[in-house]
Amino acid sequence: MEDTSLLTLLSTLVSNLGFPIVLAGYLLLRFEKKIESLSQAFLELLHVIREEVHKRK
């Protein structure tokens, strides 16, 4: 996508949807990978905690 068409699309979205909605969408897309890695870290932590609990029994 060309820079001009991206800029046109962005300005159209802002004028139609409003700045807060466009900003929220941008942040959700940007932080999606970070959220996925955080979820994976929680699952790994849960696995380690379960292993430690079973070792102590």
PDB file of N, CA and C in Angstrom:
ATOM      1  N   MET A   1       0.853  -1.176   0.000  1.00  0.00           N
ATOM      2  CA  MET A   1       0.000   0.000   0.000  1.00  0.00           C
ATOM      3  C   MET A   1       0.896   1.235   0.000  1.00  0.00           C
ATOM      4  N   GLU A   2       0.568   2.175  -0.836  1.00  0.00           N
ATOM      5  CA  GLU A   2       1.364   3.390  -0.909  1.00  0.00           C
ATOM      6  C   GLU A   2       1.142   4.260   0.320  1.00  0.00           C
ATOM      7  N   ASP A   3       2.112   5.104   0.601  1.00  0.00           N
ATOM      8  CA  ASP A   3       2.015   5.997   1.758  1.00  0.00           C
ATOM      9  C   ASP A   3       0.825   6.936   1.655  1.00  0.00           C
ATOM     10  N   THR A   4       0.562   7.429   0.448  1.00  0.00           N
ATOM     11  CA  THR A   4      -0.545   8.371   0.286  1.00  0.00           C
ATOM     12  C   THR A   4      -1.888   7.697   0.507  1.00  0.00           C
ATOM     13  N   SER A   5      -2.022   6.458   0.029  1.00  0.00           N
ATOM     14  CA  SER A   5      -3.297   5.772   0.230  1.00  0.00           C
ATOM     15  C   SER A   5      -3.473   5.377   1.698  1.00  0.00           C
ATOM     16  N   LEU A   6      -2.387   5.048   2.376  1.00  0.00           N
ATOM     17  CA  LEU A   6      -2.458   4.744   3.800  1.00  0.00           C
ATOM     18  C   LEU A   6      -2.851   5.982   4.590  1.00  0.00           C
ATOM     19  N   LEU A   7      -2.280   7.104   4.229  1.00  0.00           N
ATOM     20  CA  LEU A   7      -2.617   8.363   4.893  1.00  0.00           C
ATOM     21  C   LEU A   7      -4.069   8.751   4.631  1.00  0.00           C
ATOM     22  N   THR A   8      -4.525   8.548   3.413  1.00  0.00           N
ATOM     23  CA  THR A   8      -5.922   8.828   3.076  1.00  0.00           C
ATOM     24  C   THR A   8      -6.858   7.921   3.859  1.00  0.00           C
ATOM     25  N   LEU A   9      -6.526   6.636   3.935  1.00  0.00           N
ATOM     26  CA  LEU A   9      -7.343   5.687   4.697  1.00  0.00           C
ATOM     27  C   LEU A   9      -7.384   6.077   6.164  1.00  0.00           C
ATOM     28  N   LEU A  10      -6.243   6.422   6.723  1.00  0.00           N
ATOM     29  CA  LEU A  10      -6.179   6.805   8.129  1.00  0.00           C
ATOM     30  C   LEU A  10      -6.990   8.066   8.408  1.00  0.00           C
ATOM     31  N   SER A  11      -6.876   9.062   7.547  1.00  0.00           N
ATOM     32  CA  SER A  11      -7.652  10.288   7.766  1.00  0.00           C
ATOM     33  C   SER A  11      -9.144  10.040   7.597  1.00  0.00           C
ATOM     34  N   THR A  12      -9.530   9.142   6.692  1.00  0.00           N
ATOM     35  CA  THR A  12     -10.941   8.792   6.521  1.00  0.00           C
ATOM     36  C   THR A  12     -11.467   8.082   7.755  1.00  0.00           C
ATOM     37  N   LEU A  13     -10.677   7.160   8.293  1.00  0.00           N
ATOM     38  CA  LEU A  13     -11.098   6.450   9.507  1.00  0.00           C
ATOM     39  C   LEU A  13     -11.256   7.405  10.683  1.00  0.00           C
ATOM     40  N   VAL A  14     -10.318   8.321  10.834  1.00  0.00           N
ATOM     41  CA  VAL A  14     -10.388   9.267  11.942  1.00  0.00           C
ATOM     42  C   VAL A  14     -11.620  10.154  11.799  1.00  0.00           C
ATOM     43  N   SER A  15     -11.896  10.608  10.597  1.00  0.00           N
ATOM     44  CA  SER A  15     -13.048  11.497  10.422  1.00  0.00           C
ATOM     45  C   SER A  15     -14.365  10.757  10.577  1.00  0.00           C
ATOM     46  N   ASN A  16     -14.411   9.480  10.195  1.00  0.00           N
ATOM     47  CA  ASN A  16     -15.653   8.715  10.288  1.00  0.00           C
ATOM     48  C   ASN A  16     -15.864   8.086  11.663  1.00  0.00           C
ATOM     49  N   LEU A  17     -14.826   7.564  12.244  1.00  0.00           N
ATOM     50  CA  LEU A  17     -14.966   6.817  13.491  1.00  0.00           C
ATOM     51  C   LEU A  17     -14.567   7.603  14.727  1.00  0.00           C
ATOM     52  N   GLY A  18     -13.734   8.540  14.552  1.00  0.00           N
ATOM     53  CA  GLY A  18     -13.269   9.301  15.698  1.00  0.00           C
ATOM     54  C   GLY A  18     -11.903   8.837  16.143  1.00  0.00           C
ATOM     55  N   PHE A  19     -11.181   9.769  16.694  1.00  0.00           N
ATOM     56  CA  PHE A  19      -9.810   9.497  17.103  1.00  0.00           C
ATOM     57  C   PHE A  19      -9.683   8.392  18.156  1.00  0.00           C
ATOM     58  N   PRO A  20     -10.511   8.358  19.211  1.00  0.00           N
ATOM     59  CA  PRO A  20     -10.333   7.315  20.226  1.00  0.00           C
ATOM     60  C   PRO A  20     -10.512   5.889  19.686  1.00  0.00           C
ATOM     61  N   ILE A  21     -11.434   5.699  18.776  1.00  0.00           N
ATOM     62  CA  ILE A  21     -11.655   4.361  18.224  1.00  0.00           C
ATOM     63  C   ILE A  21     -10.483   3.942  17.346  1.00  0.00           C
ATOM     64  N   VAL A  22     -10.007   4.858  16.533  1.00  0.00           N
ATOM     65  CA  VAL A  22      -8.859   4.545  15.681  1.00  0.00           C
ATOM     66  C   VAL A  22      -7.621   4.268  16.529  1.00  0.00           C
ATOM     67  N   LEU A  23      -7.413   5.052  17.560  1.00  0.00           N
ATOM     68  CA  LEU A  23      -6.267   4.844  18.442  1.00  0.00           C
ATOM     69  C   LEU A  23      -6.356   3.491  19.147  1.00  0.00           C
ATOM     70  N   ALA A  24      -7.531   3.138  19.639  1.00  0.00           N
ATOM     71  CA  ALA A  24      -7.708   1.846  20.306  1.00  0.00           C
ATOM     72  C   ALA A  24      -7.436   0.696  19.338  1.00  0.00           C
ATOM     73  N   GLY A  25      -7.913   0.808  18.123  1.00  0.00           N
ATOM     74  CA  GLY A  25      -7.643  -0.223  17.122  1.00  0.00           C
ATOM     75  C   GLY A  25      -6.166  -0.349  16.818  1.00  0.00           C
ATOM     76  N   TYR A  26      -5.497   0.768  16.691  1.00  0.00           N
ATOM     77  CA  TYR A  26      -4.058   0.763  16.434  1.00  0.00           C
ATOM     78  C   TYR A  26      -3.299   0.084  17.578  1.00  0.00           C
ATOM     79  N   LEU A  27      -3.662   0.437  18.805  1.00  0.00           N
ATOM     80  CA  LEU A  27      -2.966  -0.147  19.947  1.00  0.00           C
ATOM     81  C   LEU A  27      -3.233  -1.640  20.063  1.00  0.00           C
ATOM     82  N   LEU A  28      -4.454  -2.057  19.787  1.00  0.00           N
ATOM     83  CA  LEU A  28      -4.755  -3.492  19.826  1.00  0.00           C
ATOM     84  C   LEU A  28      -3.935  -4.257  18.806  1.00  0.00           C
ATOM     85  N   LEU A  29      -3.818  -3.731  17.619  1.00  0.00           N
ATOM     86  CA  LEU A  29      -3.026  -4.404  16.593  1.00  0.00           C
ATOM     87  C   LEU A  29      -1.548  -4.406  16.944  1.00  0.00           C
ATOM     88  N   ARG A  30      -1.083  -3.318  17.503  1.00  0.00           N
ATOM     89  CA  ARG A  30       0.346  -3.207  17.818  1.00  0.00           C
ATOM     90  C   ARG A  30       0.767  -4.126  18.971  1.00  0.00           C
ATOM     91  N   PHE A  31      -0.101  -4.241  19.976  1.00  0.00           N
ATOM     92  CA  PHE A  31       0.253  -5.017  21.158  1.00  0.00           C
ATOM     93  C   PHE A  31      -0.223  -6.462  21.109  1.00  0.00           C
ATOM     94  N   GLU A  32      -0.763  -6.886  19.980  1.00  0.00           N
ATOM     95  CA  GLU A  32      -1.279  -8.256  19.876  1.00  0.00           C
ATOM     96  C   GLU A  32      -0.184  -9.291  20.163  1.00  0.00           C
ATOM     97  N   LYS A  33       0.989  -9.119  19.592  1.00  0.00           N
ATOM     98  CA  LYS A  33       2.080 -10.077  19.804  1.00  0.00           C
ATOM     99  C   LYS A  33       2.533 -10.086  21.258  1.00  0.00           C
ATOM    100  N   LYS A  34       2.554  -8.920  21.874  1.00  0.00           N
ATOM    101  CA  LYS A  34       2.965  -8.841  23.268  1.00  0.00           C
ATOM    102  C   LYS A  34       1.953  -9.542  24.169  1.00  0.00           C
ATOM    103  N   ILE A  35       0.690  -9.416  23.841  1.00  0.00           N
ATOM    104  CA  ILE A  35      -0.356 -10.087  24.617  1.00  0.00           C
ATOM    105  C   ILE A  35      -0.234 -11.594  24.467  1.00  0.00           C
ATOM    106  N   GLU A  36       0.049 -12.057  23.252  1.00  0.00           N
ATOM    107  CA  GLU A  36       0.228 -13.488  23.027  1.00  0.00           C
ATOM    108  C   GLU A  36       1.422 -14.030  23.805  1.00  0.00           C
ATOM    109  N   SER A  37       2.529 -13.300  23.816  1.00  0.00           N
ATOM    110  CA  SER A  37       3.702 -13.767  24.553  1.00  0.00           C
ATOM    111  C   SER A  37       3.447 -13.746  26.059  1.00  0.00           C
ATOM    112  N   LEU A  38       2.677 -12.793  26.530  1.00  0.00           N
ATOM    113  CA  LEU A  38       2.312 -12.748  27.944  1.00  0.00           C
ATOM    114  C   LEU A  38       1.437 -13.940  28.311  1.00  0.00           C
ATOM    115  N   SER A  39       0.520 -14.302  27.453  1.00  0.00           N
ATOM    116  CA  SER A  39      -0.321 -15.480  27.681  1.00  0.00           C
ATOM    117  C   SER A  39       0.531 -16.742  27.747  1.00  0.00           C
ATOM    118  N   GLN A  40       1.502 -16.846  26.853  1.00  0.00           N
ATOM    119  CA  GLN A  40       2.396 -18.002  26.854  1.00  0.00           C
ATOM    120  C   GLN A  40       3.213 -18.049  28.144  1.00  0.00           C
ATOM    121  N   ALA A  41       3.654 -16.914  28.629  1.00  0.00           N
ATOM    122  CA  ALA A  41       4.421 -16.871  29.869  1.00  0.00           C
ATOM    123  C   ALA A  41       3.561 -17.314  31.051  1.00  0.00           C
ATOM    124  N   PHE A  42       2.289 -16.926  31.068  1.00  0.00           N
ATOM    125  CA  PHE A  42       1.390 -17.379  32.132  1.00  0.00           C
ATOM    126  C   PHE A  42       1.209 -18.887  32.098  1.00  0.00           C
ATOM    127  N   LEU A  43       1.078 -19.455  30.897  1.00  0.00           N
ATOM    128  CA  LEU A  43       0.922 -20.907  30.785  1.00  0.00           C
ATOM    129  C   LEU A  43       2.177 -21.637  31.257  1.00  0.00           C
ATOM    130  N   GLU A  44       3.347 -21.106  30.918  1.00  0.00           N
ATOM    131  CA  GLU A  44       4.593 -21.721  31.369  1.00  0.00           C
ATOM    132  C   GLU A  44       4.726 -21.629  32.886  1.00  0.00           C
ATOM    133  N   LEU A  45       4.354 -20.507  33.457  1.00  0.00           N
ATOM    134  CA  LEU A  45       4.400 -20.335  34.904  1.00  0.00           C
ATOM    135  C   LEU A  45       3.459 -21.318  35.589  1.00  0.00           C
ATOM    136  N   LEU A  46       2.272 -21.488  35.051  1.00  0.00           N
ATOM    137  CA  LEU A  46       1.319 -22.449  35.600  1.00  0.00           C
ATOM    138  C   LEU A  46       1.892 -23.859  35.564  1.00  0.00           C
ATOM    139  N   HIS A  47       2.559 -24.200  34.469  1.00  0.00           N
ATOM    140  CA  HIS A  47       3.174 -25.531  34.354  1.00  0.00           C
ATOM    141  C   HIS A  47       4.264 -25.732  35.411  1.00  0.00           C
ATOM    142  N   VAL A  48       5.097 -24.730  35.613  1.00  0.00           N
ATOM    143  CA  VAL A  48       6.169 -24.817  36.612  1.00  0.00           C
ATOM    144  C   VAL A  48       5.587 -24.936  38.017  1.00  0.00           C
ATOM    145  N   ILE A  49       4.552 -24.171  38.313  1.00  0.00           N
ATOM    146  CA  ILE A  49       3.926 -24.237  39.640  1.00  0.00           C
ATOM    147  C   ILE A  49       3.339 -25.619  39.879  1.00  0.00           C
ATOM    148  N   ARG A  50       2.674 -26.174  38.887  1.00  0.00           N
ATOM    149  CA  ARG A  50       2.105 -27.532  39.029  1.00  0.00           C
ATOM    150  C   ARG A  50       3.198 -28.571  39.268  1.00  0.00           C
ATOM    151  N   GLU A  51       4.311 -28.451  38.550  1.00  0.00           N
ATOM    152  CA  GLU A  51       5.425 -29.394  38.751  1.00  0.00           C
ATOM    153  C   GLU A  51       5.969 -29.288  40.168  1.00  0.00           C
ATOM    154  N   GLU A  52       6.135 -28.079  40.680  1.00  0.00           N
ATOM    155  CA  GLU A  52       6.642 -27.890  42.041  1.00  0.00           C
ATOM    156  C   GLU A  52       5.680 -28.448  43.084  1.00  0.00           C
ATOM    157  N   VAL A  53       4.396 -28.290  42.868  1.00  0.00           N
ATOM    158  CA  VAL A  53       3.400 -28.804  43.803  1.00  0.00           C
ATOM    159  C   VAL A  53       3.469 -30.330  43.823  1.00  0.00           C
ATOM    160  N   HIS A  54       3.602 -30.951  42.650  1.00  0.00           N
ATOM    161  CA  HIS A  54       3.678 -32.410  42.607  1.00  0.00           C
ATOM    162  C   HIS A  54       4.965 -32.933  43.216  1.00  0.00           C
ATOM    163  N   LYS A  55       6.069 -32.199  43.129  1.00  0.00           N
ATOM    164  CA  LYS A  55       7.336 -32.616  43.717  1.00  0.00           C
ATOM    165  C   LYS A  55       7.238 -32.611  45.253  1.00  0.00           C
ATOM    166  N   ARG A  56       6.492 -31.721  45.807  1.00  0.00           N
ATOM    167  CA  ARG A  56       6.401 -31.585  47.268  1.00  0.00           C
ATOM    168  C   ARG A  56       5.451 -32.571  47.909  1.00  0.00           C
ATOM    169  N   LYS A  57       4.655 -33.257  47.105  1.00  0.00           N
ATOM    170  CA  LYS A  57       3.699 -34.230  47.671  1.00  0.00           C
ATOM    171  C   LYS A  57       4.347 -35.529  47.987  1.00  0.00           C
TER     172      LYS A  57
END
